[in-house]
Amino acid sequence: MEQIIEVFGIDWRILAIQILNFGILLGVLWYFLYKPITNLIENRRAQIIQGVADAERAAAALKDADAKKADILAAAALDAQALIAQARETAKSKETEIMREAQEKGERILAEATLKGEEVQREALVKSKEQIAQLIVLGAEKTLRERSA
């Protein structure tokens, strides 16, 4: 073995110093490079895990919001149908009330027209009687004048 060491020109003191230098370099690289990089990778992994969890929560919240939206739209449609039905009922009752009022008004107008017609008829009858009476008086006067003349 000594021959191999002599052939290659290996000096054990230099080899020990190189091993010591390599150990120091390994320790420095471990402390200043490997640890920060592993910490950075772990932090990044934690952020990615947190991001995935947040995305899953957001997807679940979106599903929940979509379900709530569908429920709200369904409730709004039912409310709209109820309002339309109520409006139709109100319109029918108003229509019935307006028709009844119009019929009552028509009946009142007809009754008033009938009364007015009867009054006009009575006045015409009274005037006719007066005119007939005047004509009778005039006819009697004329007859009396003709007899006396």
C-alpha atoms as a PDB file:
ATOM      1  CA  MET A   1       0.000   0.000   0.000  1.00  0.00           C
ATOM      2  CA  GLU A   2       2.914   2.242   0.710  1.00  0.00           C
ATOM      3  CA  GLN A   3       4.072   1.726  -2.808  1.00  0.00           C
ATOM      4  CA  ILE A   4       0.780   2.955  -4.158  1.00  0.00           C
ATOM      5  CA  ILE A   5       0.961   5.997  -1.908  1.00  0.00           C
ATOM      6  CA  GLU A   6       4.505   6.699  -3.120  1.00  0.00           C
ATOM      7  CA  VAL A   7       3.648   6.091  -6.802  1.00  0.00           C
ATOM      8  CA  PHE A   8       0.744   8.520  -6.667  1.00  0.00           C
ATOM      9  CA  GLY A   9       2.650  10.951  -4.481  1.00  0.00           C
ATOM     10  CA  ILE A  10       0.091  11.109  -1.698  1.00  0.00           C
ATOM     11  CA  ASP A  11       1.226  12.848   1.443  1.00  0.00           C
ATOM     12  CA  TRP A  12      -0.871  11.909   4.474  1.00  0.00           C
ATOM     13  CA  ARG A  13      -0.478  15.382   6.030  1.00  0.00           C
ATOM     14  CA  ILE A  14      -1.799  17.062   2.910  1.00  0.00           C
ATOM     15  CA  LEU A  15      -4.537  14.438   2.751  1.00  0.00           C
ATOM     16  CA  ALA A  16      -5.510  15.163   6.361  1.00  0.00           C
ATOM     17  CA  ILE A  17      -5.541  18.924   5.682  1.00  0.00           C
ATOM     18  CA  GLN A  18      -7.681  18.384   2.582  1.00  0.00           C
ATOM     19  CA  ILE A  19     -10.059  16.183   4.586  1.00  0.00           C
ATOM     20  CA  LEU A  20     -10.210  18.908   7.236  1.00  0.00           C
ATOM     21  CA  ASN A  21     -10.769  21.595   4.554  1.00  0.00           C
ATOM     22  CA  PHE A  22     -13.483  19.457   2.938  1.00  0.00           C
ATOM     23  CA  GLY A  23     -15.169  18.989   6.331  1.00  0.00           C
ATOM     24  CA  ILE A  24     -15.076  22.744   7.017  1.00  0.00           C
ATOM     25  CA  LEU A  25     -16.396  23.466   3.499  1.00  0.00           C
ATOM     26  CA  LEU A  26     -19.097  20.853   3.989  1.00  0.00           C
ATOM     27  CA  GLY A  27     -20.093  22.406   7.338  1.00  0.00           C
ATOM     28  CA  VAL A  28     -20.153  25.958   5.915  1.00  0.00           C
ATOM     29  CA  LEU A  29     -22.193  24.866   2.879  1.00  0.00           C
ATOM     30  CA  TRP A  30     -24.524  22.893   5.160  1.00  0.00           C
ATOM     31  CA  TYR A  31     -25.054  25.875   7.448  1.00  0.00           C
ATOM     32  CA  PHE A  32     -25.254  28.674   4.856  1.00  0.00           C
ATOM     33  CA  LEU A  33     -26.696  26.902   1.830  1.00  0.00           C
ATOM     34  CA  TYR A  34     -28.393  23.581   2.552  1.00  0.00           C
ATOM     35  CA  LYS A  35     -30.352  24.688   5.649  1.00  0.00           C
ATOM     36  CA  PRO A  36     -31.755  27.893   4.062  1.00  0.00           C
ATOM     37  CA  ILE A  37     -32.669  26.040   0.880  1.00  0.00           C
ATOM     38  CA  THR A  38     -34.436  23.246   2.811  1.00  0.00           C
ATOM     39  CA  ASN A  39     -36.218  25.874   4.945  1.00  0.00           C
ATOM     40  CA  LEU A  40     -37.214  27.719   1.764  1.00  0.00           C
ATOM     41  CA  ILE A  41     -38.480  24.485   0.208  1.00  0.00           C
ATOM     42  CA  GLU A  42     -40.450  23.620   3.365  1.00  0.00           C
ATOM     43  CA  ASN A  43     -41.981  27.118   3.472  1.00  0.00           C
ATOM     44  CA  ARG A  44     -42.872  26.873  -0.209  1.00  0.00           C
ATOM     45  CA  ARG A  45     -44.385  23.419   0.347  1.00  0.00           C
ATOM     46  CA  ALA A  46     -46.456  24.804   3.251  1.00  0.00           C
ATOM     47  CA  GLN A  47     -47.618  27.718   1.058  1.00  0.00           C
ATOM     48  CA  ILE A  48     -48.574  25.343  -1.735  1.00  0.00           C
ATOM     49  CA  ILE A  49     -50.477  23.119   0.702  1.00  0.00           C
ATOM     50  CA  GLN A  50     -52.206  26.222   2.120  1.00  0.00           C
ATOM     51  CA  GLY A  51     -52.985  27.427  -1.439  1.00  0.00           C
ATOM     52  CA  VAL A  52     -54.503  24.068  -2.369  1.00  0.00           C
ATOM     53  CA  ALA A  53     -56.566  24.058   0.833  1.00  0.00           C
ATOM     54  CA  ASP A  54     -57.702  27.637   0.138  1.00  0.00           C
ATOM     55  CA  ALA A  55     -58.612  26.694  -3.427  1.00  0.00           C
ATOM     56  CA  GLU A  56     -60.635  23.719  -2.181  1.00  0.00           C
ATOM     57  CA  ARG A  57     -62.416  25.952   0.347  1.00  0.00           C
ATOM     58  CA  ALA A  58     -63.061  28.514  -2.382  1.00  0.00           C
ATOM     59  CA  ALA A  59     -64.451  25.798  -4.663  1.00  0.00           C
ATOM     60  CA  ALA A  60     -66.685  24.567  -1.845  1.00  0.00           C
ATOM     61  CA  ALA A  61     -67.764  28.155  -1.109  1.00  0.00           C
ATOM     62  CA  LEU A  62     -68.512  28.651  -4.804  1.00  0.00           C
ATOM     63  CA  LYS A  63     -70.622  25.484  -4.876  1.00  0.00           C
ATOM     64  CA  ASP A  64     -72.410  26.660  -1.745  1.00  0.00           C
ATOM     65  CA  ALA A  65     -72.948  30.113  -3.255  1.00  0.00           C
ATOM     66  CA  ASP A  66     -74.303  28.542  -6.451  1.00  0.00           C
ATOM     67  CA  ALA A  67     -76.668  26.390  -4.395  1.00  0.00           C
ATOM     68  CA  LYS A  68     -77.796  29.437  -2.398  1.00  0.00           C
ATOM     69  CA  LYS A  69     -78.243  31.380  -5.639  1.00  0.00           C
ATOM     70  CA  ALA A  70     -80.408  28.601  -7.042  1.00  0.00           C
ATOM     71  CA  ASP A  71     -82.441  28.529  -3.807  1.00  0.00           C
ATOM     72  CA  ILE A  72     -82.856  32.311  -3.858  1.00  0.00           C
ATOM     73  CA  LEU A  73     -83.910  32.258  -7.512  1.00  0.00           C
ATOM     74  CA  ALA A  74     -86.413  29.485  -6.818  1.00  0.00           C
ATOM     75  CA  ALA A  75     -87.802  31.408  -3.839  1.00  0.00           C
ATOM     76  CA  ALA A  76     -87.984  34.576  -5.929  1.00  0.00           C
ATOM     77  CA  ALA A  77     -89.859  32.701  -8.665  1.00  0.00           C
ATOM     78  CA  LEU A  78     -92.339  31.371  -6.098  1.00  0.00           C
ATOM     79  CA  ASP A  79     -92.766  34.854  -4.635  1.00  0.00           C
ATOM     80  CA  ALA A  80     -93.293  36.266  -8.112  1.00  0.00           C
ATOM     81  CA  GLN A  81     -95.934  33.635  -8.858  1.00  0.00           C
ATOM     82  CA  ALA A  82     -97.647  34.406  -5.558  1.00  0.00           C
ATOM     83  CA  LEU A  83     -97.595  38.129  -6.339  1.00  0.00           C
ATOM     84  CA  ILE A  84     -98.999  37.498  -9.807  1.00  0.00           C
ATOM     85  CA  ALA A  85    -101.763  35.314  -8.367  1.00  0.00           C
ATOM     86  CA  GLN A  86    -102.554  37.953  -5.749  1.00  0.00           C
ATOM     87  CA  ALA A  87    -102.570  40.669  -8.423  1.00  0.00           C
ATOM     88  CA  ARG A  88    -104.967  38.603 -10.527  1.00  0.00           C
ATOM     89  CA  GLU A  89    -107.274  38.086  -7.566  1.00  0.00           C
ATOM     90  CA  THR A  90    -107.167  41.800  -6.782  1.00  0.00           C
ATOM     91  CA  ALA A  91    -107.843  42.611 -10.422  1.00  0.00           C
ATOM     92  CA  LYS A  92    -110.808  40.233 -10.505  1.00  0.00           C
ATOM     93  CA  SER A  93    -112.268  41.724  -7.339  1.00  0.00           C
ATOM     94  CA  LYS A  94    -111.739  45.251  -8.700  1.00  0.00           C
ATOM     95  CA  GLU A  95    -113.328  44.215 -11.986  1.00  0.00           C
ATOM     96  CA  THR A  96    -116.322  42.792 -10.137  1.00  0.00           C
ATOM     97  CA  GLU A  97    -116.595  45.919  -8.009  1.00  0.00           C
ATOM     98  CA  ILE A  98    -116.307  48.231 -11.026  1.00  0.00           C
ATOM     99  CA  MET A  99    -118.889  46.204 -12.942  1.00  0.00           C
ATOM    100  CA  ARG A 100    -121.249  46.282  -9.976  1.00  0.00           C
ATOM    101  CA  GLU A 101    -120.777  50.052  -9.567  1.00  0.00           C
ATOM    102  CA  ALA A 102    -121.296  50.583 -13.307  1.00  0.00           C
ATOM    103  CA  GLN A 103    -124.453  48.502 -13.250  1.00  0.00           C
ATOM    104  CA  GLU A 104    -125.752  50.383 -10.204  1.00  0.00           C
ATOM    105  CA  LYS A 105    -124.924  53.685 -11.878  1.00  0.00           C
ATOM    106  CA  GLY A 106    -126.640  52.532 -15.071  1.00  0.00           C
ATOM    107  CA  GLU A 107    -129.697  51.492 -13.079  1.00  0.00           C
ATOM    108  CA  ARG A 108    -129.722  54.876 -11.293  1.00  0.00           C
ATOM    109  CA  ILE A 109    -129.402  56.726 -14.579  1.00  0.00           C
ATOM    110  CA  LEU A 110    -132.182  54.594 -16.053  1.00  0.00           C
ATOM    111  CA  ALA A 111    -134.372  55.217 -13.001  1.00  0.00           C
ATOM    112  CA  GLU A 112    -133.661  58.962 -13.169  1.00  0.00           C
ATOM    113  CA  ALA A 113    -134.373  58.959 -16.910  1.00  0.00           C
ATOM    114  CA  THR A 114    -137.609  57.076 -16.298  1.00  0.00           C
ATOM    115  CA  LEU A 115    -138.631  59.564 -13.593  1.00  0.00           C
ATOM    116  CA  LYS A 116    -137.676  62.480 -15.804  1.00  0.00           C
ATOM    117  CA  GLY A 117    -139.604  60.956 -18.710  1.00  0.00           C
ATOM    118  CA  GLU A 118    -142.636  60.478 -16.501  1.00  0.00           C
ATOM    119  CA  GLU A 119    -142.294  64.068 -15.269  1.00  0.00           C
ATOM    120  CA  VAL A 120    -141.996  65.351 -18.826  1.00  0.00           C
ATOM    121  CA  GLN A 121    -145.001  63.238 -19.756  1.00  0.00           C
ATOM    122  CA  ARG A 122    -146.999  64.664 -16.828  1.00  0.00           C
ATOM    123  CA  GLU A 123    -145.958  68.208 -17.716  1.00  0.00           C
ATOM    124  CA  ALA A 124    -146.922  67.570 -21.346  1.00  0.00           C
ATOM    125  CA  LEU A 125    -150.245  66.142 -20.173  1.00  0.00           C
ATOM    126  CA  VAL A 126    -150.836  69.150 -17.940  1.00  0.00           C
ATOM    127  CA  LYS A 127    -149.912  71.526 -20.772  1.00  0.00           C
ATOM    128  CA  SER A 128    -152.100  69.543 -23.148  1.00  0.00           C
ATOM    129  CA  LYS A 129    -154.999  69.778 -20.707  1.00  0.00           C
ATOM    130  CA  GLU A 130    -154.423  73.502 -20.345  1.00  0.00           C
ATOM    131  CA  GLN A 131    -154.266  73.920 -24.108  1.00  0.00           C
ATOM    132  CA  ILE A 132    -157.366  71.777 -24.540  1.00  0.00           C
ATOM    133  CA  ALA A 133    -159.099  73.859 -21.899  1.00  0.00           C
ATOM    134  CA  GLN A 134    -158.032  77.040 -23.676  1.00  0.00           C
ATOM    135  CA  LEU A 135    -159.183  75.645 -27.010  1.00  0.00           C
ATOM    136  CA  ILE A 136    -162.522  74.673 -25.466  1.00  0.00           C
ATOM    137  CA  VAL A 137    -162.881  78.144 -24.018  1.00  0.00           C
ATOM    138  CA  LEU A 138    -161.937  79.736 -27.341  1.00  0.00           C
ATOM    139  CA  GLY A 139    -164.285  77.393 -29.200  1.00  0.00           C
ATOM    140  CA  ALA A 140    -167.080  78.216 -26.760  1.00  0.00           C
ATOM    141  CA  GLU A 141    -166.414  81.934 -27.126  1.00  0.00           C
ATOM    142  CA  LYS A 142    -166.444  81.647 -30.891  1.00  0.00           C
ATOM    143  CA  THR A 143    -169.660  79.686 -30.797  1.00  0.00           C
ATOM    144  CA  LEU A 144    -171.217  82.235 -28.483  1.00  0.00           C
ATOM    145  CA  ARG A 145    -170.138  85.096 -30.719  1.00  0.00           C
ATOM    146  CA  GLU A 146    -171.508  83.388 -33.787  1.00  0.00           C
ATOM    147  CA  ARG A 147    -174.825  82.787 -32.062  1.00  0.00           C
ATOM    148  CA  SER A 148    -174.992  86.260 -30.791  1.00  0.00           C
ATOM    149  CA  ALA A 149    -174.003  87.761 -34.070  1.00  0.00           C
END
